Amino acid sequence: MSHSIATLPERLTLANLPTPIEHLSRVSEQLHKTLYIKRDDYTGTEVSGNKIRKLEFAIAEAIESGAKTLITCGGLQSNHARATAAAARKLGLDVHLVLRSDPEPEKEGNYLLDSLLGAKITLMPAVDFNSHHMQVMASLKAEYDAEGCPAYILPIGASNGIGTFGYCHAFEEILAQERTLGITFDTIVCTVGSGGTYGGLFLGNLLSGQDRQIVGINISATADYFQTEIARIVNESLGLLDLLPSVEAEDIHIVDGYAGLGYALSQPEEIEFIREFAKTEGIILDPVYTGKAFRGLVSEIEKGRFATSKNILFIHTGGLMGFVPSYMNL
């Protein structure tokens, strides 16, 4: 299947693109494997990380629909929520965040920035959030709509059909950078936290007729869950392009086993890995997403899983603003 990137839906221009690709020379030498990293932590400051790529498409759709308010959700230190708040303010929109949190959280990291950006915030205990956050957002939308300030709901991580085009577009960016660098990445690895980043890379690989190995390392839930969820998201994207669904769960390649204690909970060995990587390459990974995923990549390389990969590209999805004591579990 081949489909031109130019036919993707309209997008806003909010991120600093293209983001650079750097050779991890010392880690490559240590592992006897050629590794590169794409610095999507460079997409901006307030909007830094992978989320803004997805928001460029999702907010374009929101504005086209007439929305004046963006409603989204996530954990207390959600990078997506903070990026949504910043993008909304940049575009003159209102924003309401529904965040999973215990009462009276510390004002730090992304949560502090949410407040500085003037986002309206609804806090929900984890047990309620996990089962009712969609209903709460729907109720908020109804209230905003009734007040004459129409709202648009974005799911966690903007990981749905429209948001997934963000990393489909990023895949095209990577192909262009390969031509400049004179290198081909046969394997592209990313963290999987809600599925949209992996889904977009997979979709870009599919639509452009490439044969790259797209590998995700989940930091929450299970591989089985994400295989099903990502296939659903990609098929939703294909539907938006008037293409028939063609992706099955077994087409999605997820490496399980590196979520540790769970989402946003760190173990000492994970923080130590981040520290050693920073000392080795001068690049800081975050404890929620990239720290766990890159540690998983290194472990799997050492186990021989990537024996046939010649050039591996890891996507640094940002997240440094969520690097706060309460999320390190130490």
Protein backbone atom coordinates (compact mmCIF):
# COMPACT_ATOMS: atom_id res chain seq x y z
CA MET A 1 0.00 0.00 0.00
CA SER A 2 1.35 3.44 -0.88
CA HIS A 3 -0.30 6.75 -0.01
CA SER A 4 1.19 10.24 -0.31
CA ILE A 5 1.90 12.10 2.93
CA ALA A 6 0.57 15.20 1.13
CA THR A 7 -2.94 13.77 1.31
CA LEU A 8 -2.98 13.66 5.11
CA PRO A 9 -5.48 15.94 6.90
CA GLU A 10 -4.63 19.57 7.54
CA ARG A 11 -2.22 20.30 10.39
CA LEU A 12 -1.15 23.35 12.35
CA THR A 13 2.51 24.37 12.55
CA LEU A 14 3.31 24.43 16.27
CA ALA A 15 6.41 22.27 16.76
CA ASN A 16 10.01 23.14 15.95
CA LEU A 17 10.64 20.70 13.11
CA PRO A 18 12.51 18.80 11.90
CA THR A 19 14.04 17.57 15.13
CA PRO A 20 17.68 16.44 14.93
CA ILE A 21 18.92 12.87 14.78
CA GLU A 22 22.10 12.17 16.75
CA HIS A 23 24.47 9.21 16.73
CA LEU A 24 24.85 7.58 20.16
CA SER A 25 28.52 6.87 19.60
CA ARG A 26 29.56 5.67 23.05
CA VAL A 27 26.47 3.53 23.69
CA SER A 28 26.86 2.08 20.18
CA GLU A 29 30.46 1.16 20.99
CA GLN A 30 29.44 -0.43 24.28
CA LEU A 31 26.69 -2.52 22.69
CA HIS A 32 28.46 -3.26 19.38
CA LYS A 33 25.33 -2.01 17.65
CA THR A 34 24.68 1.21 15.69
CA LEU A 35 22.17 3.37 17.56
CA TYR A 36 20.79 6.83 16.82
CA ILE A 37 18.29 8.97 18.72
CA LYS A 38 15.72 11.39 17.29
CA ARG A 39 15.45 14.37 19.62
CA ASP A 40 11.73 15.00 19.77
CA ASP A 41 12.41 16.48 23.18
CA TYR A 42 13.48 19.47 21.01
CA THR A 43 10.04 20.16 19.53
CA GLY A 44 9.65 23.19 21.78
CA THR A 45 9.76 24.38 25.37
CA GLU A 46 6.19 24.65 26.68
CA VAL A 47 5.04 22.17 24.01
CA SER A 48 8.13 19.94 24.10
CA GLY A 49 7.99 16.24 23.33
CA ASN A 50 6.02 13.95 21.08
CA LYS A 51 2.55 15.18 22.04
CA ILE A 52 2.72 18.37 20.01
CA ARG A 53 3.11 16.43 16.76
CA LYS A 54 -0.24 14.76 17.42
CA LEU A 55 -1.82 18.01 18.60
CA GLU A 56 -0.95 19.73 15.32
CA PHE A 57 -3.51 17.50 13.62
CA ALA A 58 -6.02 17.14 16.46
CA ILE A 59 -6.28 20.87 17.24
CA ALA A 60 -6.55 21.68 13.54
CA GLU A 61 -9.61 19.42 13.50
CA ALA A 62 -10.92 21.07 16.68
CA ILE A 63 -10.64 24.56 15.19
CA GLU A 64 -12.24 23.41 11.95
CA SER A 65 -15.18 22.10 14.00
CA GLY A 66 -15.63 25.53 15.60
CA ALA A 67 -14.28 24.63 19.03
CA LYS A 68 -13.25 27.39 21.43
CA THR A 69 -12.30 25.09 24.31
CA LEU A 70 -10.07 22.01 24.40
CA ILE A 71 -10.81 19.31 26.96
CA THR A 72 -8.32 16.52 27.62
CA CYS A 73 -7.08 14.23 30.36
CA GLY A 74 -4.09 12.38 31.78
CA GLY A 75 -2.01 11.80 34.88
CA LEU A 76 -1.11 14.68 37.18
CA GLN A 77 2.25 15.07 35.42
CA SER A 78 0.83 14.47 31.95
CA ASN A 79 3.09 15.84 29.20
CA HIS A 80 0.12 15.73 26.85
CA ALA A 81 -2.05 17.82 29.18
CA ARG A 82 0.67 20.46 29.57
CA ALA A 83 1.35 20.58 25.83
CA THR A 84 -2.38 20.90 25.15
CA ALA A 85 -2.65 23.78 27.63
CA ALA A 86 0.31 25.58 26.06
CA ALA A 87 -0.89 25.03 22.49
CA ALA A 88 -4.39 26.18 23.39
CA ARG A 89 -3.11 29.44 24.87
CA LYS A 90 -0.86 30.00 21.86
CA LEU A 91 -3.92 29.73 19.64
CA GLY A 92 -6.26 31.78 21.85
CA LEU A 93 -8.33 28.82 23.00
CA ASP A 94 -9.54 27.89 26.47
CA VAL A 95 -8.48 24.58 28.00
CA HIS A 96 -9.86 22.27 30.69
CA LEU A 97 -7.77 19.37 32.00
CA VAL A 98 -9.08 16.30 33.82
CA LEU A 99 -6.14 14.91 35.78
CA ARG A 100 -5.70 11.70 37.77
CA SER A 101 -4.48 12.66 41.25
CA ASP A 102 -4.85 12.23 44.97
CA PRO A 103 -6.14 15.32 46.82
CA GLU A 104 -3.89 18.37 47.29
CA PRO A 105 -0.97 17.40 45.03
CA GLU A 106 2.32 19.28 45.03
CA LYS A 107 2.49 22.17 42.56
CA GLU A 108 5.52 20.97 40.61
CA GLY A 109 6.55 19.90 37.13
CA ASN A 110 3.86 19.77 34.47
CA TYR A 111 1.09 20.39 37.01
CA LEU A 112 2.72 23.69 37.96
CA LEU A 113 2.98 24.67 34.30
CA ASP A 114 -0.68 23.77 33.75
CA SER A 115 -1.55 26.28 36.45
CA LEU A 116 0.79 28.96 35.05
CA LEU A 117 -0.93 28.57 31.68
CA GLY A 118 -4.29 29.19 33.33
CA ALA A 119 -5.82 25.84 32.53
CA LYS A 120 -9.01 24.92 34.32
CA ILE A 121 -8.31 21.68 36.16
CA THR A 122 -10.53 18.91 37.50
CA LEU A 123 -8.73 16.42 39.75
CA MET A 124 -10.02 12.85 40.01
CA PRO A 125 -8.82 10.04 42.31
CA ALA A 126 -7.23 7.21 40.35
CA VAL A 127 -10.08 4.74 40.91
CA ASP A 128 -12.65 7.24 39.60
CA PHE A 129 -10.46 8.48 36.78
CA ASN A 130 -9.80 4.99 35.44
CA SER A 131 -13.51 4.23 35.13
CA HIS A 132 -15.18 7.60 34.58
CA HIS A 133 -12.83 10.15 33.00
CA MET A 134 -14.53 9.94 29.60
CA GLN A 135 -17.93 10.59 31.19
CA VAL A 136 -16.53 13.57 33.08
CA MET A 137 -15.08 15.06 29.90
CA ALA A 138 -18.37 14.50 28.06
CA SER A 139 -20.22 16.29 30.87
CA LEU A 140 -17.78 19.20 30.73
CA LYS A 141 -18.21 19.42 26.95
CA ALA A 142 -21.98 19.59 27.36
CA GLU A 143 -21.58 22.46 29.83
CA TYR A 144 -19.21 24.42 27.57
CA ASP A 145 -21.41 23.83 24.54
CA ALA A 146 -24.47 25.10 26.45
CA GLU A 147 -22.55 28.22 27.47
CA GLY A 148 -21.80 29.04 23.84
CA CYS A 149 -18.12 28.08 24.10
CA PRO A 150 -18.09 24.86 22.05
CA ALA A 151 -15.61 22.25 23.22
CA TYR A 152 -13.55 19.52 21.59
CA ILE A 153 -12.44 16.40 23.51
CA LEU A 154 -8.96 14.95 23.01
CA PRO A 155 -8.31 11.45 24.41
CA ILE A 156 -5.28 10.56 26.53
CA GLY A 157 -2.13 11.40 24.57
CA ALA A 158 -4.21 12.53 21.56
CA SER A 159 -3.87 8.87 20.58
CA ASN A 160 -6.72 8.45 18.15
CA GLY A 161 -7.17 8.39 14.39
CA ILE A 162 -6.52 12.08 13.78
CA GLY A 163 -3.70 12.44 16.34
CA THR A 164 -1.87 9.45 14.96
CA PHE A 165 -1.11 11.36 11.76
CA GLY A 166 1.45 13.31 13.81
CA TYR A 167 3.92 10.45 13.72
CA CYS A 168 2.92 9.42 10.23
CA HIS A 169 4.19 12.88 9.27
CA ALA A 170 7.26 12.30 11.51
CA PHE A 171 8.01 9.09 9.60
CA GLU A 172 8.20 11.12 6.38
CA GLU A 173 10.53 13.52 8.21
CA ILE A 174 12.78 10.60 9.15
CA LEU A 175 12.91 9.42 5.52
CA ALA A 176 14.07 12.88 4.43
CA GLN A 177 16.72 12.94 7.16
CA GLU A 178 17.97 9.52 6.08
CA ARG A 179 18.67 10.93 2.62
CA THR A 180 20.64 13.80 4.16
CA LEU A 181 22.54 11.56 6.57
CA GLY A 182 23.19 8.84 4.00
CA ILE A 183 21.82 6.14 6.31
CA THR A 184 18.78 3.87 6.44
CA PHE A 185 17.19 2.97 9.76
CA ASP A 186 15.93 -0.59 9.40
CA THR A 187 14.58 -0.51 12.98
CA ILE A 188 12.71 2.33 14.71
CA VAL A 189 11.98 2.00 18.44
CA CYS A 190 9.65 4.09 20.59
CA THR A 191 7.98 4.10 23.98
CA VAL A 192 4.36 2.99 24.09
CA GLY A 193 2.25 4.77 26.70
CA SER A 194 -1.04 5.36 24.88
CA GLY A 195 -0.24 4.00 21.42
CA GLY A 196 -0.42 7.03 19.11
CA THR A 197 3.31 7.52 18.53
CA TYR A 198 3.86 3.89 17.61
CA GLY A 199 0.65 3.92 15.59
CA GLY A 200 1.80 6.90 13.54
CA LEU A 201 5.22 5.41 12.80
CA PHE A 202 3.58 2.13 11.83
CA LEU A 203 1.11 3.99 9.60
CA GLY A 204 3.87 6.00 7.93
CA ASN A 205 5.81 2.79 7.27
CA LEU A 206 2.67 1.22 5.80
CA LEU A 207 1.54 4.12 3.62
CA SER A 208 5.00 4.88 2.23
CA GLY A 209 5.58 1.25 1.27
CA GLN A 210 8.69 0.92 3.41
CA ASP A 211 9.72 -2.28 5.16
CA ARG A 212 11.11 -0.95 8.43
CA GLN A 213 10.79 -2.80 11.72
CA ILE A 214 8.70 -0.61 14.05
CA VAL A 215 9.16 -1.74 17.67
CA GLY A 216 7.34 -0.43 20.72
CA ILE A 217 8.30 -0.92 24.36
CA ASN A 218 5.30 -0.48 26.63
CA ILE A 219 5.63 1.32 29.97
CA SER A 220 2.09 0.55 31.13
CA ALA A 221 -0.61 -2.08 30.56
CA THR A 222 0.50 -5.11 28.52
CA ALA A 223 1.75 -5.90 25.04
CA ASP A 224 -1.52 -7.68 24.21
CA TYR A 225 -3.54 -4.61 25.19
CA PHE A 226 -1.47 -2.27 23.05
CA GLN A 227 -1.40 -4.58 20.05
CA THR A 228 -5.20 -4.48 19.98
CA GLU A 229 -5.44 -0.78 20.80
CA ILE A 230 -2.84 0.34 18.25
CA ALA A 231 -4.41 -1.76 15.50
CA ARG A 232 -7.73 -0.05 16.29
CA ILE A 233 -6.13 3.42 16.17
CA VAL A 234 -4.32 2.77 12.88
CA ASN A 235 -7.47 1.40 11.28
CA GLU A 236 -9.32 4.52 12.44
CA SER A 237 -6.65 6.63 10.71
CA LEU A 238 -6.99 4.58 7.53
CA GLY A 239 -10.74 5.20 7.64
CA LEU A 240 -10.13 8.96 7.77
CA LEU A 241 -8.14 8.56 4.53
CA ASP A 242 -11.02 6.57 3.00
CA LEU A 243 -8.87 3.46 3.02
CA LEU A 244 -10.14 0.12 4.22
CA PRO A 245 -8.96 -1.16 7.62
CA SER A 246 -6.13 -3.60 7.03
CA VAL A 247 -4.16 -3.87 10.29
CA GLU A 248 -4.44 -6.76 12.74
CA ALA A 249 -3.20 -6.92 16.33
CA GLU A 250 -0.52 -9.44 15.36
CA ASP A 251 0.98 -6.88 12.95
CA ILE A 252 1.97 -4.70 15.90
CA HIS A 253 5.40 -5.46 17.45
CA ILE A 254 5.49 -4.66 21.18
CA VAL A 255 8.23 -5.76 23.59
CA ASP A 256 6.76 -6.35 27.05
CA GLY A 257 8.43 -6.57 30.43
CA TYR A 258 9.82 -3.10 31.15
CA ALA A 259 6.89 -1.31 32.80
CA GLY A 260 8.41 -2.06 36.21
CA LEU A 261 6.13 -0.98 39.06
CA GLY A 262 3.71 0.60 36.60
CA TYR A 263 2.97 3.93 35.00
CA ALA A 264 5.00 6.82 36.49
CA LEU A 265 6.46 4.60 39.24
CA SER A 266 10.22 4.22 39.21
CA GLN A 267 12.64 1.70 40.68
CA PRO A 268 16.20 2.55 41.78
CA GLU A 269 17.73 0.58 38.92
CA GLU A 270 15.69 2.58 36.39
CA ILE A 271 16.85 5.91 37.80
CA GLU A 272 20.43 4.62 37.89
CA PHE A 273 20.13 3.70 34.20
CA ILE A 274 18.98 7.25 33.38
CA ARG A 275 21.92 8.62 35.37
CA GLU A 276 24.47 6.42 33.59
CA PHE A 277 23.03 7.23 30.16
CA ALA A 278 23.20 10.96 30.94
CA LYS A 279 26.85 10.62 31.98
CA THR A 280 27.65 8.58 28.88
CA GLU A 281 25.88 10.58 26.14
CA GLY A 282 24.97 13.92 27.75
CA ILE A 283 21.28 13.24 27.07
CA ILE A 284 18.67 13.04 29.82
CA LEU A 285 15.86 10.51 29.52
CA ASP A 286 12.71 10.83 31.58
CA PRO A 287 11.61 8.34 34.30
CA VAL A 288 8.08 7.74 33.01
CA TYR A 289 8.64 6.96 29.33
CA THR A 290 12.03 7.06 27.63
CA GLY A 291 14.10 5.89 30.61
CA LYS A 292 12.18 2.64 30.86
CA ALA A 293 11.94 2.15 27.10
CA PHE A 294 15.61 2.78 26.33
CA ARG A 295 16.60 0.53 29.22
CA GLY A 296 14.38 -2.10 27.63
CA LEU A 297 16.03 -1.57 24.26
CA VAL A 298 19.51 -2.01 25.73
CA SER A 299 18.44 -5.13 27.60
CA GLU A 300 16.89 -6.66 24.48
CA ILE A 301 19.98 -5.88 22.41
CA GLU A 302 22.08 -7.67 25.02
CA LYS A 303 19.69 -10.63 24.81
CA GLY A 304 20.15 -10.79 21.04
CA ARG A 305 16.62 -9.73 20.00
CA PHE A 306 17.96 -7.07 17.59
CA ALA A 307 20.72 -9.23 16.10
CA THR A 308 19.59 -8.57 12.51
CA SER A 309 19.14 -4.79 12.96
CA LYS A 310 21.89 -2.74 11.29
CA ASN A 311 20.86 0.80 12.27
CA ILE A 312 18.45 1.43 15.13
CA LEU A 313 16.68 4.77 15.66
CA PHE A 314 15.18 5.48 19.10
CA ILE A 315 12.57 8.25 19.41
CA HIS A 316 13.20 10.55 22.39
CA THR A 317 9.62 11.62 23.17
CA GLY A 318 10.54 14.23 25.80
CA GLY A 319 9.02 14.29 29.26
CA LEU A 320 11.71 16.09 31.25
CA MET A 321 9.19 18.46 32.81
CA GLY A 322 7.64 15.47 34.56
CA PHE A 323 10.96 14.55 36.16
CA VAL A 324 9.77 15.33 39.70
CA PRO A 325 10.48 13.61 43.05
CA SER A 326 6.91 12.41 43.50
CA TYR A 327 7.14 10.47 40.19
CA MET A 328 10.45 8.80 40.96
CA ASN A 329 9.13 6.70 43.85
CA LEU A 330 12.44 7.02 45.67
